[in-house]
Amino acid sequence: MSDRFERFSAAIAERLERVRGGMTDAEFARLVADVAEVARRFEEIDARERGRSTPMPGTLPALRKPDATAT
């Protein structure tokens, strides 16, 4: 796994932690891995559609900041 993908996965885990509920560590890790993999696939599709063979180096998919009032 690349350092870029690991940083992205960590960012996803941080965002999802507040809605984790009763998930076990293994269940939560699987969810984070699935979300990161789907984001990676979409990023690759977007890169191909824009004529690049890979995503832009050094970039991570944008994550919107959660609304502070959202629960």
N, C-alpha and C. Protein backbone atom coordinates (compact mmCIF):
# COMPACT_ATOMS: atom_id res chain seq x y z
N MET A 1 0.85 -1.17 0.00
CA MET A 1 0.00 0.00 0.00
C MET A 1 0.90 1.23 0.00
N SER A 2 0.55 2.22 -0.82
CA SER A 2 1.37 3.42 -0.92
C SER A 2 1.15 4.33 0.29
N ASP A 3 2.14 5.19 0.51
CA ASP A 3 2.04 6.16 1.60
C ASP A 3 0.84 7.07 1.36
N ARG A 4 0.59 7.42 0.13
CA ARG A 4 -0.54 8.28 -0.23
C ARG A 4 -1.86 7.61 0.14
N PHE A 5 -1.99 6.32 -0.19
CA PHE A 5 -3.21 5.59 0.12
C PHE A 5 -3.37 5.44 1.63
N GLU A 6 -2.28 5.22 2.34
CA GLU A 6 -2.34 5.10 3.80
C GLU A 6 -2.78 6.41 4.45
N ARG A 7 -2.27 7.54 3.95
CA ARG A 7 -2.69 8.84 4.48
C ARG A 7 -4.17 9.09 4.19
N PHE A 8 -4.62 8.72 3.00
CA PHE A 8 -6.02 8.88 2.65
C PHE A 8 -6.89 7.99 3.54
N SER A 9 -6.47 6.75 3.75
CA SER A 9 -7.22 5.83 4.62
C SER A 9 -7.31 6.37 6.04
N ALA A 10 -6.22 6.96 6.53
CA ALA A 10 -6.23 7.54 7.88
C ALA A 10 -7.20 8.70 7.96
N ALA A 11 -7.26 9.51 6.90
CA ALA A 11 -8.20 10.64 6.87
C ALA A 11 -9.65 10.14 6.87
N ILE A 12 -9.89 9.07 6.13
CA ILE A 12 -11.24 8.49 6.11
C ILE A 12 -11.60 7.94 7.48
N ALA A 13 -10.68 7.23 8.11
CA ALA A 13 -10.94 6.66 9.44
C ALA A 13 -11.27 7.76 10.43
N GLU A 14 -10.54 8.86 10.36
CA GLU A 14 -10.78 9.98 11.27
C GLU A 14 -12.19 10.53 11.07
N ARG A 15 -12.60 10.67 9.81
CA ARG A 15 -13.92 11.21 9.51
C ARG A 15 -15.04 10.26 9.94
N LEU A 16 -14.82 8.96 9.78
CA LEU A 16 -15.87 7.98 10.08
C LEU A 16 -15.94 7.61 11.57
N GLU A 17 -14.91 7.93 12.32
CA GLU A 17 -14.85 7.53 13.73
C GLU A 17 -16.08 8.01 14.51
N ARG A 18 -16.57 9.19 14.21
CA ARG A 18 -17.69 9.73 14.99
C ARG A 18 -19.01 9.02 14.72
N VAL A 19 -19.10 8.25 13.64
CA VAL A 19 -20.33 7.51 13.34
C VAL A 19 -20.10 6.00 13.44
N ARG A 20 -19.04 5.63 14.08
CA ARG A 20 -18.65 4.22 14.18
C ARG A 20 -19.68 3.35 14.90
N GLY A 21 -20.29 3.91 15.92
CA GLY A 21 -21.29 3.16 16.67
C GLY A 21 -20.68 1.93 17.34
N GLY A 22 -21.35 0.78 17.22
CA GLY A 22 -20.93 -0.44 17.88
C GLY A 22 -20.04 -1.35 17.04
N MET A 23 -19.43 -0.80 16.00
CA MET A 23 -18.58 -1.65 15.15
C MET A 23 -17.34 -2.11 15.91
N THR A 24 -16.95 -3.34 15.66
CA THR A 24 -15.70 -3.84 16.22
C THR A 24 -14.55 -3.18 15.46
N ASP A 25 -13.33 -3.32 15.98
CA ASP A 25 -12.16 -2.77 15.28
C ASP A 25 -12.04 -3.37 13.88
N ALA A 26 -12.28 -4.67 13.77
CA ALA A 26 -12.16 -5.35 12.48
C ALA A 26 -13.22 -4.85 11.50
N GLU A 27 -14.44 -4.69 11.98
CA GLU A 27 -15.52 -4.19 11.11
C GLU A 27 -15.22 -2.77 10.64
N PHE A 28 -14.74 -1.94 11.55
CA PHE A 28 -14.43 -0.56 11.20
C PHE A 28 -13.26 -0.50 10.21
N ALA A 29 -12.25 -1.31 10.43
CA ALA A 29 -11.11 -1.35 9.51
C ALA A 29 -11.55 -1.79 8.12
N ARG A 30 -12.46 -2.75 8.04
CA ARG A 30 -12.99 -3.21 6.75
C ARG A 30 -13.77 -2.09 6.05
N LEU A 31 -14.59 -1.37 6.81
CA LEU A 31 -15.34 -0.25 6.25
C LEU A 31 -14.40 0.81 5.68
N VAL A 32 -13.39 1.19 6.45
CA VAL A 32 -12.42 2.19 5.99
C VAL A 32 -11.71 1.70 4.73
N ALA A 33 -11.29 0.45 4.72
CA ALA A 33 -10.61 -0.11 3.54
C ALA A 33 -11.53 -0.10 2.32
N ASP A 34 -12.79 -0.44 2.50
CA ASP A 34 -13.74 -0.45 1.39
C ASP A 34 -13.97 0.96 0.84
N VAL A 35 -14.16 1.93 1.72
CA VAL A 35 -14.39 3.31 1.29
C VAL A 35 -13.16 3.84 0.56
N ALA A 36 -11.98 3.58 1.09
CA ALA A 36 -10.74 4.05 0.46
C ALA A 36 -10.55 3.41 -0.91
N GLU A 37 -10.87 2.13 -1.03
CA GLU A 37 -10.72 1.43 -2.31
C GLU A 37 -11.69 1.98 -3.36
N VAL A 38 -12.91 2.24 -2.96
CA VAL A 38 -13.89 2.81 -3.89
C VAL A 38 -13.42 4.19 -4.34
N ALA A 39 -12.95 5.01 -3.42
CA ALA A 39 -12.44 6.34 -3.78
C ALA A 39 -11.27 6.23 -4.74
N ARG A 40 -10.37 5.27 -4.51
CA ARG A 40 -9.23 5.06 -5.40
C ARG A 40 -9.69 4.68 -6.80
N ARG A 41 -10.67 3.80 -6.88
CA ARG A 41 -11.19 3.39 -8.19
C ARG A 41 -11.79 4.56 -8.95
N PHE A 42 -12.60 5.36 -8.26
CA PHE A 42 -13.19 6.53 -8.91
C PHE A 42 -12.11 7.51 -9.36
N GLU A 43 -11.08 7.66 -8.56
CA GLU A 43 -9.98 8.56 -8.92
C GLU A 43 -9.29 8.07 -10.19
N GLU A 44 -9.07 6.75 -10.30
CA GLU A 44 -8.45 6.19 -11.50
C GLU A 44 -9.34 6.40 -12.73
N ILE A 45 -10.63 6.21 -12.56
CA ILE A 45 -11.56 6.43 -13.68
C ILE A 45 -11.50 7.89 -14.12
N ASP A 46 -11.52 8.80 -13.16
CA ASP A 46 -11.45 10.22 -13.47
C ASP A 46 -10.14 10.55 -14.20
N ALA A 47 -9.04 9.99 -13.75
CA ALA A 47 -7.75 10.24 -14.40
C ALA A 47 -7.77 9.76 -15.85
N ARG A 48 -8.30 8.58 -16.09
CA ARG A 48 -8.38 8.06 -17.45
C ARG A 48 -9.25 8.95 -18.34
N GLU A 49 -10.37 9.41 -17.81
CA GLU A 49 -11.25 10.28 -18.58
C GLU A 49 -10.60 11.61 -18.92
N ARG A 50 -9.66 12.03 -18.10
CA ARG A 50 -8.94 13.28 -18.35
C ARG A 50 -7.65 13.06 -19.14
N GLY A 51 -7.44 11.82 -19.58
CA GLY A 51 -6.28 11.53 -20.41
C GLY A 51 -4.99 11.26 -19.66
N ARG A 52 -5.09 11.03 -18.36
CA ARG A 52 -3.89 10.69 -17.57
C ARG A 52 -3.94 9.20 -17.27
N SER A 53 -2.78 8.60 -17.18
CA SER A 53 -2.76 7.17 -16.86
C SER A 53 -2.94 6.91 -15.37
N THR A 54 -2.59 7.89 -14.55
CA THR A 54 -2.72 7.76 -13.10
C THR A 54 -3.21 9.09 -12.52
N PRO A 55 -3.69 9.09 -11.28
CA PRO A 55 -4.08 10.34 -10.64
C PRO A 55 -2.88 11.28 -10.53
N MET A 56 -3.14 12.55 -10.35
CA MET A 56 -2.08 13.53 -10.20
C MET A 56 -1.20 13.15 -9.02
N PRO A 57 0.12 13.12 -9.21
CA PRO A 57 1.03 12.77 -8.11
C PRO A 57 0.89 13.73 -6.93
N GLY A 58 0.92 13.17 -5.73
CA GLY A 58 0.90 13.98 -4.52
C GLY A 58 -0.45 14.53 -4.14
N THR A 59 -1.50 14.11 -4.84
CA THR A 59 -2.82 14.63 -4.50
C THR A 59 -3.62 13.55 -3.79
N LEU A 60 -4.52 13.98 -2.99
CA LEU A 60 -5.46 13.09 -2.32
C LEU A 60 -6.86 13.53 -2.72
N PRO A 61 -7.78 12.60 -2.84
CA PRO A 61 -9.16 13.02 -3.12
C PRO A 61 -9.63 14.00 -2.04
N ALA A 62 -10.37 14.99 -2.44
CA ALA A 62 -10.84 16.02 -1.51
C ALA A 62 -11.89 15.44 -0.57
N LEU A 63 -11.75 15.76 0.69
CA LEU A 63 -12.75 15.40 1.70
C LEU A 63 -13.32 16.70 2.23
N ARG A 64 -14.62 16.84 2.10
CA ARG A 64 -15.27 18.04 2.65
C ARG A 64 -15.25 17.98 4.16
N LYS A 65 -15.11 19.14 4.78
CA LYS A 65 -15.19 19.23 6.22
C LYS A 65 -16.64 18.96 6.64
N PRO A 66 -16.84 18.14 7.67
CA PRO A 66 -18.22 17.87 8.11
C PRO A 66 -18.85 19.12 8.69
N ASP A 67 -20.14 19.23 8.52
CA ASP A 67 -20.90 20.32 9.10
C ASP A 67 -20.88 20.16 10.61
N ALA A 68 -20.49 21.17 11.32
CA ALA A 68 -20.37 21.09 12.79
C ALA A 68 -21.71 20.82 13.45
N THR A 69 -22.80 21.15 12.79
CA THR A 69 -24.12 20.92 13.38
C THR A 69 -24.69 19.56 13.03
N ALA A 70 -24.05 18.84 12.11
CA ALA A 70 -24.57 17.52 11.69
C ALA A 70 -24.32 16.51 12.78
N THR A 71 -25.23 15.55 12.88
CA THR A 71 -25.05 14.48 13.87
C THR A 71 -25.04 13.16 13.19
